[in-house]
Amino acid sequence: AGVWRGGDEDQLTEGVVGQVIGGVHPRGPEAHGDAWRLCVENRESLRGWVEEGLRLTKVQELLRRQTGEAVPYRTLHRFAVEELGFGKRRVTVRVEDGKPGEELQVDFGQMGRIREAGAESARVVYGLIFTACFSRHQFVWLSFTQALEEVIEGFEQAWEFFGGVFKVVILDNLKAVVVKADACAPRINEKFLEYAQARGFVIDPARVRRPQDKPRVERQVSYVRGSFFAGEEFVSLAEARERAELWCRNVAGTRIHGTTRQRPAEVFEREEKGELLPAPQSHYEIPQHAEVTVWPDHHIRVARALYSLPTAYIGEKVSVWADRQLVKVFFKGELIKTHPRQLPGGRSTDPKDYPKE
C-alpha cells in the first residue's frame, strides 16, 4: 500500500487504511469462510441434531465425524443461532390453575447434605415438595432416601400441614411410586395405590421428561434449595424438617408470588382449604405384603400368626396384605378372605372354611 515501516503516522491516511481493509477482507466484513460453508453443506444434519436437543458440543463432534473436518465452536454456534433458530425460547401457553382444592403437584429434588451428630460423614438430603396448583401454597418433607415408606410419610405430613387431602395428585415418575411409566396407562406400585385409595385421591403421573405436565412445582425445587436449604447448618434431619415447615408457613407462604401476585398462604386459607377432602383421623400404616402357600390344614402363616382359608385354596399360593387391624388375603387379584390381625403366636380360624363333614 506504499506505507514505509520507518515512516511517521501521517502516511496512515483513511485511503491507505481502507486499502488495507479491502485486502484483508476482499469479500467484505460479512463474508463467511470455509467453516461456515461446511455448515451450509451439512445444514440438514445439523438441523436434525439441533431439533433432537443435542448440546452444540455434541453436534460439533458429530459434524467432525461426518465430514472429517473440525468447525470452530463459535462458528457453529453462530450458524445454529442465525440459520437454525438454536436457543430461541419456545412459545408457551399458561395452563389454567383449576378449581380450589382440586390439584396438588409433587416433585422430588436433591437439596444438599446434612451431617448428623456422631455420623462419620454427611448424607444427601432429598426434598419432597408439594405445591397446591390454585393457591401455590407448598409443603416440603425432607428425607435421606426416596423409598416408598418415606414418600408415604411425606404425604401424611402434607395432609396434616394443609389440613385436608387434595382430590388429584400430579407427581413425577418416582421409582417408589410408578413401577412402569406410560403416557396412557402407567403401572403404579400396589402399596401406594392402596394408600391413595385409603386417602381418597387420584394419582395422575406426569409423562416422562415432560416438565410442562407439572409446571407449578417444577421450578420450586431450585427455589426451595436456594431460599431455604442453601447456606444453612442443620444438626439433624429432625431439626431440618421442623425448620422446613416453619419456612413453608412464614417465608414461602407469605411471599408475593410472581405469577398470582398474592400471598399463597392467604389464598389457601381463604379459598382452598375449605374445598379439601377431610384430613385423616389416624396415621396410615403401610400394610405388610407376603406371598404364601395354603397348608393342608387350611391355614397360612403371616407374621408368626395363623389364618384359615377355604378348602378350595389348599396348595395354592395367595397374596396377603396385613395392617394393624386386618389381614386381607387375595387370590389372582381377588379378595377371598379377611381376618382380624392376630398377635405373634395367635390364630384366627373360621369354621366355615372347613368342609361340612
Protein backbone atom coordinates (compact mmCIF):
# COMPACT_ATOMS: atom_id res chain seq x y z
CA ALA A 1 0.00 0.00 0.00
CA GLY A 2 3.06 2.27 -0.13
CA VAL A 3 3.48 2.51 3.65
CA TRP A 4 7.10 2.71 4.82
CA ARG A 5 7.80 0.83 8.10
CA GLY A 6 10.17 3.52 9.33
CA GLY A 7 7.92 6.44 8.44
CA ASP A 8 5.67 8.52 10.70
CA GLU A 9 1.89 8.13 11.30
CA ASP A 10 0.97 10.85 8.83
CA GLN A 11 1.23 8.30 6.00
CA LEU A 12 -1.69 6.27 7.51
CA THR A 13 -4.46 8.14 5.76
CA GLU A 14 -8.05 6.95 5.53
CA GLY A 15 -7.43 5.87 1.96
CA VAL A 16 -4.49 3.69 2.96
CA VAL A 17 -6.44 2.14 5.85
CA GLY A 18 -9.34 1.40 3.51
CA GLN A 19 -6.95 -0.22 1.03
CA VAL A 20 -5.53 -2.46 3.78
CA ILE A 21 -9.01 -3.47 4.99
CA GLY A 22 -10.02 -4.27 1.45
CA GLY A 23 -7.01 -6.56 1.13
CA VAL A 24 -7.67 -8.37 4.38
CA HIS A 25 -11.44 -8.79 3.75
CA PRO A 26 -11.75 -8.86 -0.04
CA ARG A 27 -15.38 -10.14 0.24
CA GLY A 28 -16.49 -7.63 2.86
CA PRO A 29 -16.73 -7.88 6.67
CA GLU A 30 -19.85 -10.11 6.49
CA ALA A 31 -18.29 -12.73 4.26
CA HIS A 32 -18.07 -16.28 5.60
CA GLY A 33 -15.16 -18.66 5.47
CA ASP A 34 -14.70 -22.35 4.81
CA ALA A 35 -16.07 -23.41 8.23
CA TRP A 36 -19.37 -21.65 7.52
CA ARG A 37 -19.50 -23.22 4.06
CA LEU A 38 -19.11 -26.64 5.71
CA CYS A 39 -22.07 -25.89 7.97
CA VAL A 40 -24.17 -24.85 4.96
CA GLU A 41 -23.33 -28.06 3.13
CA ASN A 42 -24.42 -30.12 6.17
CA ARG A 43 -27.43 -27.99 7.09
CA GLU A 44 -29.96 -30.86 7.23
CA SER A 45 -27.80 -32.98 9.50
CA LEU A 46 -27.21 -30.01 11.79
CA ARG A 47 -30.92 -29.19 11.85
CA GLY A 48 -31.80 -32.74 12.87
CA TRP A 49 -29.26 -32.79 15.69
CA VAL A 50 -30.37 -29.39 16.99
CA GLU A 51 -34.05 -30.38 16.91
CA GLU A 52 -33.20 -33.54 18.87
CA GLY A 53 -31.98 -31.26 21.64
CA LEU A 54 -28.31 -32.26 21.47
CA ARG A 55 -25.75 -29.95 23.02
CA LEU A 56 -23.71 -27.98 20.48
CA THR A 57 -20.51 -29.58 21.75
CA LYS A 58 -22.01 -32.95 20.80
CA VAL A 59 -23.18 -31.56 17.45
CA GLN A 60 -19.65 -30.27 16.85
CA GLU A 61 -18.25 -33.76 17.44
CA LEU A 62 -20.86 -35.44 15.21
CA LEU A 63 -20.14 -32.97 12.41
CA ARG A 64 -16.40 -33.69 12.71
CA ARG A 65 -17.07 -37.42 12.42
CA GLN A 66 -19.33 -36.93 9.40
CA THR A 67 -17.08 -34.57 7.43
CA GLY A 68 -13.63 -35.29 8.78
CA GLU A 69 -13.15 -31.55 9.36
CA ALA A 70 -13.35 -29.53 12.58
CA VAL A 71 -15.61 -26.47 12.73
CA PRO A 72 -14.79 -23.87 15.42
CA TYR A 73 -17.42 -23.78 18.15
CA ARG A 74 -18.06 -20.04 17.72
CA THR A 75 -18.77 -20.52 14.01
CA LEU A 76 -21.05 -23.48 14.71
CA HIS A 77 -22.90 -21.55 17.41
CA ARG A 78 -23.43 -18.52 15.15
CA PHE A 79 -24.69 -20.74 12.33
CA ALA A 80 -27.06 -22.60 14.66
CA VAL A 81 -28.47 -19.36 16.07
CA GLU A 82 -28.80 -17.48 12.78
CA GLU A 83 -29.82 -20.33 10.48
CA LEU A 84 -31.45 -22.99 12.67
CA GLY A 85 -33.14 -20.99 15.42
CA PHE A 86 -30.99 -22.50 18.16
CA GLY A 87 -31.55 -21.02 21.61
CA LYS A 88 -34.91 -19.39 20.84
CA ARG A 89 -37.44 -19.77 23.60
CA ARG A 90 -40.47 -21.89 22.97
CA VAL A 91 -43.82 -20.18 22.88
CA THR A 92 -45.76 -21.43 25.91
CA VAL A 93 -49.37 -21.13 26.94
CA ARG A 94 -50.19 -20.79 30.61
CA VAL A 95 -52.29 -23.65 31.97
CA GLU A 96 -55.44 -22.91 33.94
CA ASP A 97 -54.99 -23.18 37.70
CA GLY A 98 -58.08 -25.35 38.09
CA LYS A 99 -60.54 -25.35 40.96
CA PRO A 100 -59.50 -24.68 44.58
CA GLY A 101 -58.57 -27.87 46.41
CA GLU A 102 -58.50 -29.89 43.19
CA GLU A 103 -54.85 -30.47 42.22
CA LEU A 104 -51.60 -30.91 44.11
CA GLN A 105 -48.33 -31.23 42.20
CA VAL A 106 -45.45 -33.20 43.76
CA ASP A 107 -41.76 -33.45 42.87
CA PHE A 108 -38.54 -34.81 44.41
CA GLY A 109 -35.31 -32.81 44.34
CA GLN A 110 -31.86 -33.06 45.90
CA MET A 111 -31.35 -30.32 48.48
CA GLY A 112 -27.80 -30.84 49.75
CA ARG A 113 -26.16 -32.71 52.63
CA ILE A 114 -26.62 -32.99 56.39
CA ARG A 115 -24.10 -34.42 58.81
CA GLU A 116 -25.88 -35.55 61.95
CA ALA A 117 -24.17 -35.61 65.32
CA GLY A 118 -21.97 -38.69 65.64
CA ALA A 119 -22.13 -39.54 61.94
CA GLU A 120 -18.89 -40.23 60.10
CA SER A 121 -19.93 -38.31 57.00
CA ALA A 122 -22.67 -36.09 55.64
CA ARG A 123 -25.63 -37.69 53.86
CA VAL A 124 -27.54 -36.50 50.82
CA VAL A 125 -30.91 -34.96 51.67
CA TYR A 126 -33.90 -35.03 49.32
CA GLY A 127 -36.90 -32.73 49.40
CA LEU A 128 -40.39 -33.98 48.54
CA ILE A 129 -42.16 -30.77 47.50
CA PHE A 130 -45.95 -30.40 47.45
CA THR A 131 -47.42 -27.37 45.65
CA ALA A 132 -51.13 -26.51 45.54
CA CYS A 133 -51.95 -25.57 41.93
CA PHE A 134 -54.54 -22.94 42.77
CA SER A 135 -53.01 -21.05 45.71
CA ARG A 136 -49.31 -22.05 45.20
CA HIS A 137 -49.08 -22.81 48.94
CA GLN A 138 -46.46 -25.51 49.49
CA PHE A 139 -45.03 -28.03 51.92
CA VAL A 140 -41.58 -29.62 51.98
CA TRP A 141 -40.71 -33.01 53.50
CA LEU A 142 -37.02 -33.85 53.85
CA SER A 143 -35.60 -37.38 53.87
CA PHE A 144 -32.38 -39.30 53.36
CA THR A 145 -33.99 -41.73 50.88
CA GLN A 146 -36.66 -41.80 48.19
CA ALA A 147 -38.11 -45.09 49.42
CA LEU A 148 -41.86 -45.72 49.36
CA GLU A 149 -42.09 -45.52 53.15
CA GLU A 150 -40.60 -42.00 53.12
CA VAL A 151 -42.85 -40.92 50.26
CA ILE A 152 -45.99 -42.06 52.09
CA GLU A 153 -44.78 -40.44 55.33
CA GLY A 154 -44.24 -37.22 53.38
CA PHE A 155 -47.82 -37.37 52.09
CA GLU A 156 -49.14 -37.99 55.59
CA GLN A 157 -47.26 -34.93 56.88
CA ALA A 158 -48.52 -32.88 53.91
CA TRP A 159 -52.17 -33.69 54.68
CA GLU A 160 -51.58 -32.59 58.27
CA PHE A 161 -49.89 -29.37 57.08
CA PHE A 162 -52.69 -28.49 54.64
CA GLY A 163 -55.46 -29.67 56.95
CA GLY A 164 -57.01 -31.91 54.30
CA VAL A 165 -56.45 -34.06 51.22
CA PHE A 166 -56.33 -32.81 47.62
CA LYS A 167 -58.51 -34.67 45.13
CA VAL A 168 -55.84 -35.19 42.44
CA VAL A 169 -52.09 -35.63 42.88
CA ILE A 170 -49.87 -34.96 39.85
CA LEU A 171 -46.42 -36.34 40.51
CA ASP A 172 -43.17 -37.09 38.78
CA ASN A 173 -42.42 -40.70 37.88
CA LEU A 174 -40.88 -41.54 41.24
CA LYS A 175 -39.45 -45.04 41.16
CA ALA A 176 -41.01 -45.77 44.52
CA VAL A 177 -44.49 -44.95 43.15
CA VAL A 178 -44.51 -45.61 39.39
CA VAL A 179 -43.39 -49.14 38.55
CA LYS A 180 -43.64 -48.58 34.80
CA ALA A 181 -44.07 -45.17 33.22
CA ASP A 182 -46.53 -44.82 30.34
CA ALA A 183 -48.30 -41.81 28.88
CA CYS A 184 -51.70 -43.54 28.93
CA ALA A 185 -51.52 -46.50 31.32
CA PRO A 186 -48.72 -46.19 33.89
CA ARG A 187 -48.35 -49.06 36.37
CA ILE A 188 -48.49 -47.83 39.97
CA ASN A 189 -46.89 -49.52 42.96
CA GLU A 190 -49.66 -51.54 44.61
CA LYS A 191 -48.82 -50.27 48.09
CA PHE A 192 -49.03 -46.64 47.01
CA LEU A 193 -52.21 -47.32 45.02
CA GLU A 194 -53.79 -48.79 48.13
CA TYR A 195 -52.62 -45.74 50.09
CA ALA A 196 -54.19 -43.38 47.53
CA GLN A 197 -57.46 -45.31 47.74
CA ALA A 198 -57.38 -45.16 51.53
CA ARG A 199 -56.92 -41.37 51.46
CA GLY A 200 -59.31 -40.79 48.56
CA PHE A 201 -57.11 -39.05 45.99
CA VAL A 202 -56.47 -39.86 42.33
CA ILE A 203 -52.91 -40.44 41.06
CA ASP A 204 -52.01 -38.69 37.80
CA PRO A 205 -48.32 -39.27 36.93
CA ALA A 206 -46.63 -36.77 34.61
CA ARG A 207 -45.19 -38.01 31.34
CA VAL A 208 -41.50 -38.89 31.29
CA ARG A 209 -39.29 -35.87 30.55
CA ARG A 210 -42.32 -33.57 30.24
CA PRO A 211 -41.81 -30.90 32.95
CA GLN A 212 -44.69 -28.89 31.49
CA ASP A 213 -47.05 -31.53 32.93
CA LYS A 214 -46.32 -30.22 36.46
CA PRO A 215 -45.21 -26.60 35.94
CA ARG A 216 -46.46 -25.37 39.33
CA VAL A 217 -43.90 -27.49 41.22
CA GLU A 218 -41.15 -27.88 38.62
CA ARG A 219 -39.33 -24.64 39.46
CA GLN A 220 -39.94 -24.96 43.18
CA VAL A 221 -37.06 -27.42 43.59
CA SER A 222 -34.46 -24.72 42.89
CA TYR A 223 -36.48 -22.17 44.89
CA VAL A 224 -36.60 -24.40 47.98
CA ARG A 225 -32.93 -25.30 47.64
CA GLY A 226 -31.82 -21.69 47.24
CA SER A 227 -34.20 -19.93 49.63
CA PHE A 228 -34.39 -22.50 52.42
CA PHE A 229 -31.61 -25.11 52.38
CA ALA A 230 -28.55 -23.41 50.90
CA GLY A 231 -26.16 -21.84 53.40
CA GLU A 232 -27.90 -23.36 56.43
CA GLU A 233 -26.42 -25.72 59.00
CA PHE A 234 -28.59 -28.48 60.47
CA VAL A 235 -27.55 -30.74 63.34
CA SER A 236 -30.11 -33.40 62.41
CA LEU A 237 -32.75 -34.34 59.88
CA ALA A 238 -35.45 -33.76 62.50
CA GLU A 239 -34.31 -30.18 63.02
CA ALA A 240 -34.23 -29.59 59.24
CA ARG A 241 -37.80 -30.87 58.93
CA GLU A 242 -39.03 -28.54 61.67
CA ARG A 243 -37.34 -25.54 60.10
CA ALA A 244 -38.63 -26.52 56.65
CA GLU A 245 -42.22 -26.42 57.90
CA LEU A 246 -41.67 -23.01 59.50
CA TRP A 247 -40.12 -21.76 56.26
CA CYS A 248 -43.14 -23.01 54.30
CA ARG A 249 -45.51 -21.12 56.60
CA ASN A 250 -43.56 -17.92 57.24
CA VAL A 251 -41.46 -17.40 54.11
CA ALA A 252 -42.78 -19.29 51.09
CA GLY A 253 -46.37 -18.90 52.24
CA THR A 254 -46.20 -15.16 52.90
CA ARG A 255 -44.19 -14.01 49.87
CA ILE A 256 -45.87 -12.25 46.97
CA HIS A 257 -45.99 -14.93 44.30
CA GLY A 258 -44.52 -13.84 40.97
CA THR A 259 -47.46 -15.11 38.91
CA THR A 260 -50.53 -14.68 41.10
CA ARG A 261 -49.24 -11.50 42.82
CA GLN A 262 -50.83 -12.79 46.03
CA ARG A 263 -49.61 -14.44 49.22
CA PRO A 264 -50.05 -18.25 48.81
CA ALA A 265 -50.93 -18.93 52.44
CA GLU A 266 -53.65 -16.27 52.45
CA VAL A 267 -55.20 -17.54 49.20
CA PHE A 268 -55.08 -21.09 50.54
CA GLU A 269 -56.84 -20.22 53.80
CA ARG A 270 -59.41 -18.01 52.09
CA GLU A 271 -60.35 -20.05 49.02
CA GLU A 272 -58.81 -23.50 49.02
CA LYS A 273 -58.64 -25.11 52.45
CA GLY A 274 -62.41 -25.48 52.74
CA GLU A 275 -62.55 -27.40 49.44
CA LEU A 276 -60.18 -30.19 50.50
CA LEU A 277 -61.24 -33.70 51.40
CA PRO A 278 -61.32 -34.31 55.18
CA ALA A 279 -57.95 -34.71 56.87
CA PRO A 280 -57.05 -38.27 58.01
CA GLN A 281 -58.04 -39.02 61.59
CA SER A 282 -55.27 -41.56 62.17
CA HIS A 283 -51.77 -42.14 60.85
CA TYR A 284 -51.51 -44.52 57.91
CA GLU A 285 -49.64 -47.75 58.42
CA ILE A 286 -48.15 -49.38 55.34
CA PRO A 287 -49.50 -52.93 55.11
CA GLN A 288 -47.11 -55.85 55.15
CA HIS A 289 -47.15 -57.85 51.94
CA ALA A 290 -46.39 -61.55 51.56
CA GLU A 291 -46.83 -64.41 49.11
CA VAL A 292 -47.61 -67.64 50.98
CA THR A 293 -48.91 -71.16 50.25
CA VAL A 294 -52.05 -72.53 51.92
CA TRP A 295 -51.23 -75.54 54.10
CA PRO A 296 -53.23 -78.84 54.10
CA ASP A 297 -54.75 -77.82 57.45
CA HIS A 298 -56.42 -74.82 55.68
CA HIS A 299 -54.11 -72.22 57.27
CA ILE A 300 -51.46 -69.73 56.20
CA ARG A 301 -48.76 -68.24 58.40
CA VAL A 302 -48.31 -64.48 58.35
CA ALA A 303 -46.10 -62.54 60.77
CA ARG A 304 -45.93 -65.60 63.07
CA ALA A 305 -49.72 -65.95 63.31
CA LEU A 306 -52.13 -68.41 61.63
CA TYR A 307 -55.19 -67.61 59.50
CA SER A 308 -57.64 -70.07 57.87
CA LEU A 309 -58.79 -70.26 54.25
CA PRO A 310 -61.43 -72.38 52.48
CA THR A 311 -60.61 -75.89 51.26
CA ALA A 312 -60.54 -74.84 47.58
CA TYR A 313 -57.31 -72.90 48.14
CA ILE A 314 -55.25 -75.67 49.78
CA GLY A 315 -51.89 -75.86 47.99
CA GLU A 316 -52.43 -72.55 46.18
CA LYS A 317 -50.20 -69.50 46.53
CA VAL A 318 -52.05 -66.42 47.81
CA SER A 319 -51.15 -62.76 48.37
CA VAL A 320 -51.53 -61.27 51.82
CA TRP A 321 -51.84 -57.64 52.91
CA ALA A 322 -51.69 -57.14 56.66
CA ASP A 323 -52.06 -53.87 58.58
CA ARG A 324 -52.57 -53.24 62.27
CA GLN A 325 -56.27 -54.18 62.23
CA LEU A 326 -56.88 -56.60 59.35
CA VAL A 327 -55.29 -59.35 57.29
CA LYS A 328 -56.59 -59.43 53.70
CA VAL A 329 -55.98 -62.47 51.50
CA PHE A 330 -56.09 -62.28 47.69
CA PHE A 331 -56.05 -64.99 45.05
CA LYS A 332 -55.28 -63.91 41.48
CA GLY A 333 -56.12 -60.34 42.42
CA GLU A 334 -59.48 -61.13 44.03
CA LEU A 335 -60.14 -60.68 47.75
CA ILE A 336 -61.10 -64.09 49.17
CA LYS A 337 -60.78 -63.70 52.93
CA THR A 338 -60.44 -61.13 55.71
CA HIS A 339 -59.29 -61.86 59.26
CA PRO A 340 -58.72 -59.65 62.30
CA ARG A 341 -54.99 -59.19 62.84
CA GLN A 342 -53.52 -61.51 65.48
CA LEU A 343 -50.51 -61.06 67.71
CA PRO A 344 -47.48 -63.31 67.06
CA GLY A 345 -48.43 -66.86 68.11
CA GLY A 346 -52.13 -66.12 67.64
CA ARG A 347 -54.63 -67.94 65.46
CA SER A 348 -57.77 -66.89 63.59
CA THR A 349 -59.82 -69.86 62.34
CA ASP A 350 -63.20 -69.57 60.63
CA PRO A 351 -65.16 -72.88 61.00
CA LYS A 352 -66.88 -72.11 57.70
CA ASP A 353 -63.56 -72.68 55.90
CA TYR A 354 -63.68 -76.41 56.72
CA PRO A 355 -65.80 -78.98 54.79
CA LYS A 356 -69.18 -79.73 56.34
CA GLU A 357 -68.14 -83.27 57.10
